[in-house]
PDB file of all heavy atoms in Angstrom:
ATOM      1  N   ASP A   1      -7.365  -9.852  46.509  1.00  0.00           N
ATOM      2  CA  ASP A   1      -6.917 -10.883  45.573  1.00  0.00           C
ATOM      3  C   ASP A   1      -8.019 -11.246  44.586  1.00  0.00           C
ATOM      4  O   ASP A   1      -7.750 -11.465  43.396  1.00  0.00           O
ATOM      5  CB  ASP A   1      -6.467 -12.118  46.352  1.00  0.00           C
ATOM      6  CG  ASP A   1      -5.775 -13.140  45.478  1.00  0.00           C
ATOM      7  OD1 ASP A   1      -4.875 -12.755  44.712  1.00  0.00           O
ATOM      8  OD2 ASP A   1      -6.139 -14.334  45.539  1.00  0.00           O
ATOM      9  N   ALA A   2      -9.251 -11.305  45.060  1.00  0.00           N
ATOM     10  CA  ALA A   2     -10.376 -11.621  44.170  1.00  0.00           C
ATOM     11  C   ALA A   2     -10.550 -10.524  43.114  1.00  0.00           C
ATOM     12  O   ALA A   2     -10.783 -10.811  41.927  1.00  0.00           O
ATOM     13  CB  ALA A   2     -11.656 -11.793  44.978  1.00  0.00           C
ATOM     14  N   ILE A   3     -10.423  -9.266  43.527  1.00  0.00           N
ATOM     15  CA  ILE A   3     -10.538  -8.156  42.570  1.00  0.00           C
ATOM     16  C   ILE A   3      -9.401  -8.218  41.547  1.00  0.00           C
ATOM     17  O   ILE A   3      -9.619  -8.039  40.342  1.00  0.00           O
ATOM     18  CB  ILE A   3     -10.531  -6.805  43.308  1.00  0.00           C
ATOM     19  CG1 ILE A   3     -11.775  -6.679  44.193  1.00  0.00           C
ATOM     20  CG2 ILE A   3     -10.467  -5.646  42.320  1.00  0.00           C
ATOM     21  CD1 ILE A   3     -11.769  -5.441  45.087  1.00  0.00           C
ATOM     22  N   ALA A   4      -8.163  -8.470  42.032  1.00  0.00           N
ATOM     23  CA  ALA A   4      -7.010  -8.549  41.130  1.00  0.00           C
ATOM     24  C   ALA A   4      -7.181  -9.669  40.115  1.00  0.00           C
ATOM     25  O   ALA A   4      -6.908  -9.490  38.921  1.00  0.00           O
ATOM     26  CB  ALA A   4      -5.723  -8.747  41.937  1.00  0.00           C
ATOM     27  N   VAL A   5      -7.653 -10.829  40.578  1.00  0.00           N
ATOM     28  CA  VAL A   5      -7.880 -11.955  39.666  1.00  0.00           C
ATOM     29  C   VAL A   5      -8.949 -11.600  38.637  1.00  0.00           C
ATOM     30  O   VAL A   5      -8.827 -11.935  37.455  1.00  0.00           O
ATOM     31  CB  VAL A   5      -8.274 -13.222  40.452  1.00  0.00           C
ATOM     32  CG1 VAL A   5      -8.780 -14.310  39.516  1.00  0.00           C
ATOM     33  CG2 VAL A   5      -7.092 -13.735  41.256  1.00  0.00           C
ATOM     34  N   GLY A   6      -9.994 -10.904  39.078  1.00  0.00           N
ATOM     35  CA  GLY A   6     -11.035 -10.473  38.139  1.00  0.00           C
ATOM     36  C   GLY A   6     -10.477  -9.547  37.063  1.00  0.00           C
ATOM     37  O   GLY A   6     -10.804  -9.687  35.872  1.00  0.00           O
ATOM     38  N   ILE A   7      -9.638  -8.610  37.476  1.00  0.00           N
ATOM     39  CA  ILE A   7      -9.053  -7.653  36.518  1.00  0.00           C
ATOM     40  C   ILE A   7      -8.116  -8.381  35.551  1.00  0.00           C
ATOM     41  O   ILE A   7      -8.195  -8.187  34.328  1.00  0.00           O
ATOM     42  CB  ILE A   7      -8.294  -6.550  37.277  1.00  0.00           C
ATOM     43  CG1 ILE A   7      -9.296  -5.662  38.030  1.00  0.00           C
ATOM     44  CG2 ILE A   7      -7.444  -5.709  36.327  1.00  0.00           C
ATOM     45  CD1 ILE A   7      -8.653  -4.664  38.961  1.00  0.00           C
ATOM     46  N   PHE A   8      -7.231  -9.231  36.078  1.00  0.00           N
ATOM     47  CA  PHE A   8      -6.269  -9.928  35.218  1.00  0.00           C
ATOM     48  C   PHE A   8      -6.961 -10.948  34.313  1.00  0.00           C
ATOM     49  O   PHE A   8      -6.519 -11.169  33.178  1.00  0.00           O
ATOM     50  CB  PHE A   8      -5.198 -10.620  36.067  1.00  0.00           C
ATOM     51  CG  PHE A   8      -4.375  -9.671  36.897  1.00  0.00           C
ATOM     52  CD1 PHE A   8      -3.885 -10.047  38.136  1.00  0.00           C
ATOM     53  CD2 PHE A   8      -4.098  -8.397  36.439  1.00  0.00           C
ATOM     54  CE1 PHE A   8      -3.130  -9.174  38.899  1.00  0.00           C
ATOM     55  CE2 PHE A   8      -3.349  -7.508  37.195  1.00  0.00           C
ATOM     56  CZ  PHE A   8      -2.859  -7.901  38.432  1.00  0.00           C
ATOM     57  N   SER A   9      -8.020 -11.567  34.807  1.00  0.00           N
ATOM     58  CA  SER A   9      -8.772 -12.520  33.974  1.00  0.00           C
ATOM     59  C   SER A   9      -9.455 -11.789  32.826  1.00  0.00           C
ATOM     60  O   SER A   9      -9.452 -12.264  31.677  1.00  0.00           O
ATOM     61  CB  SER A   9      -9.818 -13.256  34.813  1.00  0.00           C
ATOM     62  OG  SER A   9      -9.210 -13.986  35.857  1.00  0.00           O
ATOM     63  N   THR A  10     -10.035 -10.633  33.128  1.00  0.00           N
ATOM     64  CA  THR A  10     -10.679  -9.837  32.075  1.00  0.00           C
ATOM     65  C   THR A  10      -9.659  -9.405  31.030  1.00  0.00           C
ATOM     66  O   THR A  10      -9.924  -9.467  29.815  1.00  0.00           O
ATOM     67  CB  THR A  10     -11.354  -8.601  32.691  1.00  0.00           C
ATOM     68  OG1 THR A  10     -12.286  -9.020  33.686  1.00  0.00           O
ATOM     69  CG2 THR A  10     -12.078  -7.794  31.624  1.00  0.00           C
ATOM     70  N   GLU A  11      -8.479  -8.966  31.491  1.00  0.00           N
ATOM     71  CA  GLU A  11      -7.433  -8.568  30.547  1.00  0.00           C
ATOM     72  C   GLU A  11      -7.021  -9.742  29.661  1.00  0.00           C
ATOM     73  O   GLU A  11      -6.864  -9.605  28.438  1.00  0.00           O
ATOM     74  CB  GLU A  11      -6.215  -8.057  31.317  1.00  0.00           C
ATOM     75  CG  GLU A  11      -5.070  -7.604  30.419  1.00  0.00           C
ATOM     76  CD  GLU A  11      -3.704  -7.774  31.047  1.00  0.00           C
ATOM     77  OE1 GLU A  11      -3.615  -8.360  32.143  1.00  0.00           O
ATOM     78  OE2 GLU A  11      -2.710  -7.340  30.423  1.00  0.00           O
ATOM     79  N   TYR A  12      -6.863 -10.920  30.261  1.00  0.00           N
ATOM     80  CA  TYR A  12      -6.463 -12.114  29.504  1.00  0.00           C
ATOM     81  C   TYR A  12      -7.508 -12.457  28.447  1.00  0.00           C
ATOM     82  O   TYR A  12      -7.168 -12.728  27.278  1.00  0.00           O
ATOM     83  CB  TYR A  12      -6.278 -13.276  30.468  1.00  0.00           C
ATOM     84  CG  TYR A  12      -5.909 -14.586  29.793  1.00  0.00           C
ATOM     85  CD1 TYR A  12      -4.627 -14.787  29.293  1.00  0.00           C
ATOM     86  CD2 TYR A  12      -6.844 -15.609  29.661  1.00  0.00           C
ATOM     87  CE1 TYR A  12      -4.288 -15.979  28.674  1.00  0.00           C
ATOM     88  CE2 TYR A  12      -6.514 -16.805  29.043  1.00  0.00           C
ATOM     89  CZ  TYR A  12      -5.237 -16.996  28.553  1.00  0.00           C
ATOM     90  OH  TYR A  12      -4.904 -18.173  27.925  1.00  0.00           O
ATOM     91  N   LEU A  13      -8.769 -12.441  28.824  1.00  0.00           N
ATOM     92  CA  LEU A  13      -9.842 -12.762  27.869  1.00  0.00           C
ATOM     93  C   LEU A  13      -9.922 -11.717  26.762  1.00  0.00           C
ATOM     94  O   LEU A  13     -10.191 -12.058  25.595  1.00  0.00           O
ATOM     95  CB  LEU A  13     -11.178 -12.863  28.609  1.00  0.00           C
ATOM     96  CG  LEU A  13     -11.305 -14.044  29.597  1.00  0.00           C
ATOM     97  CD1 LEU A  13     -12.629 -13.953  30.345  1.00  0.00           C
ATOM     98  CD2 LEU A  13     -11.193 -15.372  28.862  1.00  0.00           C
ATOM     99  N   MET A  14      -9.698 -10.447  27.103  1.00  0.00           N
ATOM    100  CA  MET A  14      -9.705  -9.386  26.080  1.00  0.00           C
ATOM    101  C   MET A  14      -8.596  -9.610  25.057  1.00  0.00           C
ATOM    102  O   MET A  14      -8.807  -9.425  23.847  1.00  0.00           O
ATOM    103  CB  MET A  14      -9.542  -8.020  26.746  1.00  0.00           C
ATOM    104  CG  MET A  14     -10.757  -7.566  27.541  1.00  0.00           C
ATOM    105  SD  MET A  14     -10.428  -6.093  28.545  1.00  0.00           S
ATOM    106  CE  MET A  14     -10.223  -4.844  27.290  1.00  0.00           C
ATOM    107  N   ARG A  15      -7.420 -10.021  25.521  1.00  0.00           N
ATOM    108  CA  ARG A  15      -6.304 -10.246  24.600  1.00  0.00           C
ATOM    109  C   ARG A  15      -6.563 -11.460  23.713  1.00  0.00           C
ATOM    110  O   ARG A  15      -6.269 -11.436  22.511  1.00  0.00           O
ATOM    111  CB  ARG A  15      -5.001 -10.430  25.389  1.00  0.00           C
ATOM    112  CG  ARG A  15      -4.546  -9.160  26.104  1.00  0.00           C
ATOM    113  CD  ARG A  15      -3.171  -9.325  26.731  1.00  0.00           C
ATOM    114  NE  ARG A  15      -2.783  -8.142  27.492  1.00  0.00           N
ATOM    115  CZ  ARG A  15      -2.272  -7.042  26.975  1.00  0.00           C
ATOM    116  NH1 ARG A  15      -2.061  -6.975  25.662  1.00  0.00           N
ATOM    117  NH2 ARG A  15      -1.944  -6.009  27.735  1.00  0.00           N
ATOM    118  N   ILE A  16      -7.110 -12.541  24.284  1.00  0.00           N
ATOM    119  CA  ILE A  16      -7.407 -13.732  23.486  1.00  0.00           C
ATOM    120  C   ILE A  16      -8.536 -13.448  22.495  1.00  0.00           C
ATOM    121  O   ILE A  16      -8.471 -13.842  21.319  1.00  0.00           O
ATOM    122  CB  ILE A  16      -7.781 -14.922  24.399  1.00  0.00           C
ATOM    123  CG1 ILE A  16      -6.594 -15.295  25.302  1.00  0.00           C
ATOM    124  CG2 ILE A  16      -8.222 -16.118  23.573  1.00  0.00           C
ATOM    125  CD1 ILE A  16      -5.361 -15.742  24.556  1.00  0.00           C
ATOM    126  N   TYR A  17      -9.578 -12.748  22.948  1.00  0.00           N
ATOM    127  CA  TYR A  17     -10.721 -12.445  22.087  1.00  0.00           C
ATOM    128  C   TYR A  17     -10.322 -11.588  20.883  1.00  0.00           C
ATOM    129  O   TYR A  17     -10.760 -11.828  19.752  1.00  0.00           O
ATOM    130  CB  TYR A  17     -11.795 -11.730  22.914  1.00  0.00           C
ATOM    131  CG  TYR A  17     -12.889 -11.099  22.083  1.00  0.00           C
ATOM    132  CD1 TYR A  17     -13.830 -11.887  21.426  1.00  0.00           C
ATOM    133  CD2 TYR A  17     -12.979  -9.707  21.952  1.00  0.00           C
ATOM    134  CE1 TYR A  17     -14.838 -11.300  20.657  1.00  0.00           C
ATOM    135  CE2 TYR A  17     -13.970  -9.125  21.193  1.00  0.00           C
ATOM    136  CZ  TYR A  17     -14.895  -9.926  20.541  1.00  0.00           C
ATOM    137  OH  TYR A  17     -15.872  -9.347  19.780  1.00  0.00           O
ATOM    138  N   SER A  18      -9.470 -10.594  21.110  1.00  0.00           N
ATOM    139  CA  SER A  18      -9.115  -9.658  20.042  1.00  0.00           C
ATOM    140  C   SER A  18      -7.898 -10.095  19.240  1.00  0.00           C
ATOM    141  O   SER A  18      -7.474  -9.376  18.322  1.00  0.00           O
ATOM    142  CB  SER A  18      -8.856  -8.267  20.634  1.00  0.00           C
ATOM    143  OG  SER A  18      -7.766  -8.297  21.541  1.00  0.00           O
ATOM    144  N   ALA A  19      -7.318 -11.256  19.548  1.00  0.00           N
ATOM    145  CA  ALA A  19      -6.096 -11.705  18.875  1.00  0.00           C
ATOM    146  C   ALA A  19      -6.224 -11.781  17.354  1.00  0.00           C
ATOM    147  O   ALA A  19      -5.281 -11.421  16.640  1.00  0.00           O
ATOM    148  CB  ALA A  19      -5.668 -13.061  19.435  1.00  0.00           C
ATOM    149  N   PRO A  20      -7.367 -12.230  16.768  1.00  0.00           N
ATOM    150  CA  PRO A  20      -7.462 -12.300  15.305  1.00  0.00           C
ATOM    151  C   PRO A  20      -7.306 -10.960  14.578  1.00  0.00           C
ATOM    152  O   PRO A  20      -7.127 -10.949  13.359  1.00  0.00           O
ATOM    153  CB  PRO A  20      -8.874 -12.881  15.084  1.00  0.00           C
ATOM    154  CG  PRO A  20      -9.144 -13.673  16.312  1.00  0.00           C
ATOM    155  CD  PRO A  20      -8.512 -12.893  17.416  1.00  0.00           C
ATOM    156  N   GLU A  21      -7.369  -9.845  15.300  1.00  0.00           N
ATOM    157  CA  GLU A  21      -7.132  -8.551  14.655  1.00  0.00           C
ATOM    158  C   GLU A  21      -5.663  -8.378  14.273  1.00  0.00           C
ATOM    159  O   GLU A  21      -5.339  -7.542  13.425  1.00  0.00           O
ATOM    160  CB  GLU A  21      -7.556  -7.414  15.597  1.00  0.00           C
ATOM    161  CG  GLU A  21      -9.041  -7.343  15.875  1.00  0.00           C
ATOM    162  CD  GLU A  21      -9.855  -7.002  14.628  1.00  0.00           C
ATOM    163  OE1 GLU A  21      -9.300  -6.379  13.703  1.00  0.00           O
ATOM    164  OE2 GLU A  21     -11.046  -7.370  14.589  1.00  0.00           O
ATOM    165  N   ASP A  22      -4.793  -9.171  14.896  1.00  0.00           N
ATOM    166  CA  ASP A  22      -3.373  -9.165  14.531  1.00  0.00           C
ATOM    167  C   ASP A  22      -3.181 -10.097  13.337  1.00  0.00           C
ATOM    168  O   ASP A  22      -3.605 -11.255  13.381  1.00  0.00           O
ATOM    169  CB  ASP A  22      -2.537  -9.648  15.722  1.00  0.00           C
ATOM    170  CG  ASP A  22      -1.046  -9.456  15.514  1.00  0.00           C
ATOM    171  OD1 ASP A  22      -0.609  -9.478  14.342  1.00  0.00           O
ATOM    172  OD2 ASP A  22      -0.316  -9.281  16.503  1.00  0.00           O
ATOM    173  N   PRO A  23      -2.550  -9.629  12.252  1.00  0.00           N
ATOM    174  CA  PRO A  23      -2.363 -10.492  11.068  1.00  0.00           C
ATOM    175  C   PRO A  23      -1.641 -11.798  11.383  1.00  0.00           C
ATOM    176  O   PRO A  23      -1.836 -12.793  10.678  1.00  0.00           O
ATOM    177  CB  PRO A  23      -1.511  -9.609  10.133  1.00  0.00           C
ATOM    178  CG  PRO A  23      -1.816  -8.207  10.550  1.00  0.00           C
ATOM    179  CD  PRO A  23      -2.058  -8.259  12.028  1.00  0.00           C
ATOM    180  N   ALA A  24      -0.829 -11.829  12.428  1.00  0.00           N
ATOM    181  CA  ALA A  24      -0.103 -13.056  12.775  1.00  0.00           C
ATOM    182  C   ALA A  24      -1.020 -14.111  13.390  1.00  0.00           C
ATOM    183  O   ALA A  24      -0.640 -15.289  13.455  1.00  0.00           O
ATOM    184  CB  ALA A  24       1.039 -12.734  13.740  1.00  0.00           C
ATOM    185  N   TYR A  25      -2.207 -13.717  13.851  1.00  0.00           N
ATOM    186  CA  TYR A  25      -3.146 -14.645  14.503  1.00  0.00           C
ATOM    187  C   TYR A  25      -4.529 -14.492  13.858  1.00  0.00           C
ATOM    188  O   TYR A  25      -5.530 -14.327  14.545  1.00  0.00           O
ATOM    189  CB  TYR A  25      -3.228 -14.369  16.008  1.00  0.00           C
ATOM    190  CG  TYR A  25      -1.884 -14.232  16.666  1.00  0.00           C
ATOM    191  CD1 TYR A  25      -1.417 -12.978  17.068  1.00  0.00           C
ATOM    192  CD2 TYR A  25      -1.065 -15.332  16.873  1.00  0.00           C
ATOM    193  CE1 TYR A  25      -0.175 -12.847  17.668  1.00  0.00           C
ATOM    194  CE2 TYR A  25       0.181 -15.209  17.466  1.00  0.00           C
ATOM    195  CZ  TYR A  25       0.622 -13.957  17.863  1.00  0.00           C
ATOM    196  OH  TYR A  25       1.847 -13.811  18.441  1.00  0.00           O
ATOM    197  N   LYS A  26      -4.573 -14.566  12.540  1.00  0.00           N
ATOM    198  CA  LYS A  26      -5.776 -14.182  11.807  1.00  0.00           C
ATOM    199  C   LYS A  26      -6.931 -15.175  11.954  1.00  0.00           C
ATOM    200  O   LYS A  26      -8.093 -14.781  12.015  1.00  0.00           O
ATOM    201  CB  LYS A  26      -5.412 -14.033  10.313  1.00  0.00           C
ATOM    202  CG  LYS A  26      -6.369 -13.184   9.517  1.00  0.00           C
ATOM    203  CD  LYS A  26      -6.271 -11.734   9.933  1.00  0.00           C
ATOM    204  CE  LYS A  26      -7.202 -10.848   9.119  1.00  0.00           C
ATOM    205  NZ  LYS A  26      -7.223  -9.459   9.604  1.00  0.00           N
ATOM    206  N   THR A  27      -6.628 -16.482  11.986  1.00  0.00           N
ATOM    207  CA  THR A  27      -7.713 -17.471  11.994  1.00  0.00           C
ATOM    208  C   THR A  27      -8.471 -17.449  13.320  1.00  0.00           C
ATOM    209  O   THR A  27      -7.917 -17.102  14.362  1.00  0.00           O
ATOM    210  CB  THR A  27      -7.143 -18.881  11.743  1.00  0.00           C
ATOM    211  OG1 THR A  27      -6.128 -19.162  12.700  1.00  0.00           O
ATOM    212  CG2 THR A  27      -6.541 -18.955  10.341  1.00  0.00           C
ATOM    213  N   TRP A  28      -9.739 -17.891  13.239  1.00  0.00           N
ATOM    214  CA  TRP A  28     -10.642 -17.756  14.385  1.00  0.00           C
ATOM    215  C   TRP A  28     -10.179 -18.576  15.581  1.00  0.00           C
ATOM    216  O   TRP A  28     -10.114 -18.076  16.697  1.00  0.00           O
ATOM    217  CB  TRP A  28     -12.048 -18.193  13.972  1.00  0.00           C
ATOM    218  CG  TRP A  28     -13.047 -18.113  15.086  1.00  0.00           C
ATOM    219  CD1 TRP A  28     -13.730 -17.021  15.495  1.00  0.00           C
ATOM    220  CD2 TRP A  28     -13.459 -19.185  15.956  1.00  0.00           C
ATOM    221  NE1 TRP A  28     -14.543 -17.321  16.565  1.00  0.00           N
ATOM    222  CE2 TRP A  28     -14.404 -18.654  16.869  1.00  0.00           C
ATOM    223  CE3 TRP A  28     -13.126 -20.532  16.039  1.00  0.00           C
ATOM    224  CZ2 TRP A  28     -14.999 -19.425  17.839  1.00  0.00           C
ATOM    225  CZ3 TRP A  28     -13.718 -21.314  17.017  1.00  0.00           C
ATOM    226  CH2 TRP A  28     -14.654 -20.751  17.908  1.00  0.00           C
ATOM    227  N   PHE A  29      -9.849 -19.877  15.346  1.00  0.00           N
ATOM    228  CA  PHE A  29      -9.491 -20.752  16.463  1.00  0.00           C
ATOM    229  C   PHE A  29      -7.979 -20.904  16.623  1.00  0.00           C
ATOM    230  O   PHE A  29      -7.426 -20.663  17.696  1.00  0.00           O
ATOM    231  CB  PHE A  29     -10.131 -22.137  16.276  1.00  0.00           C
ATOM    232  CG  PHE A  29      -9.775 -23.117  17.364  1.00  0.00           C
ATOM    233  CD1 PHE A  29     -10.348 -23.009  18.623  1.00  0.00           C
ATOM    234  CD2 PHE A  29      -8.846 -24.126  17.124  1.00  0.00           C
ATOM    235  CE1 PHE A  29     -10.009 -23.901  19.633  1.00  0.00           C
ATOM    236  CE2 PHE A  29      -8.509 -25.021  18.130  1.00  0.00           C
ATOM    237  CZ  PHE A  29      -9.088 -24.909  19.382  1.00  0.00           C
ATOM    238  N   MET A  30      -7.297 -21.282  15.547  1.00  0.00           N
ATOM    239  CA  MET A  30      -5.859 -21.520  15.627  1.00  0.00           C
ATOM    240  C   MET A  30      -5.096 -20.224  15.929  1.00  0.00           C
ATOM    241  O   MET A  30      -4.050 -20.254  16.592  1.00  0.00           O
ATOM    242  CB  MET A  30      -5.355 -22.128  14.315  1.00  0.00           C
ATOM    243  CG  MET A  30      -5.842 -23.551  14.073  1.00  0.00           C
ATOM    244  SD  MET A  30      -5.443 -24.678  15.448  1.00  0.00           S
ATOM    245  CE  MET A  30      -3.652 -24.623  15.436  1.00  0.00           C
ATOM    246  N   GLY A  31      -5.620 -19.100  15.453  1.00  0.00           N
ATOM    247  CA  GLY A  31      -4.973 -17.827  15.744  1.00  0.00           C
ATOM    248  C   GLY A  31      -4.995 -17.523  17.231  1.00  0.00           C
ATOM    249  O   GLY A  31      -3.986 -17.119  17.814  1.00  0.00           O
ATOM    250  N   ARG A  32      -6.148 -17.751  17.837  1.00  0.00           N
ATOM    251  CA  ARG A  32      -6.262 -17.521  19.287  1.00  0.00           C
ATOM    252  C   ARG A  32      -5.411 -18.523  20.060  1.00  0.00           C
ATOM    253  O   ARG A  32      -4.807 -18.180  21.083  1.00  0.00           O
ATOM    254  CB  ARG A  32      -7.718 -17.615  19.722  1.00  0.00           C
ATOM    255  CG  ARG A  32      -8.584 -16.429  19.254  1.00  0.00           C
ATOM    256  CD  ARG A  32      -9.957 -16.469  19.902  1.00  0.00           C
ATOM    257  NE  ARG A  32     -10.705 -15.244  19.626  1.00  0.00           N
ATOM    258  CZ  ARG A  32     -11.611 -15.102  18.681  1.00  0.00           C
ATOM    259  NH1 ARG A  32     -11.884 -16.135  17.877  1.00  0.00           N
ATOM    260  NH2 ARG A  32     -12.247 -13.955  18.510  1.00  0.00           N
TER     261      ARG A  32
END
């Protein structure tokens, strides 16, 4: 469970971090 949470947490942070690359979420804070 700890490993799974680590993997899913990393995936979640990767998606939030890279969100501004999508034109629909362009701004630094509000986009994320």
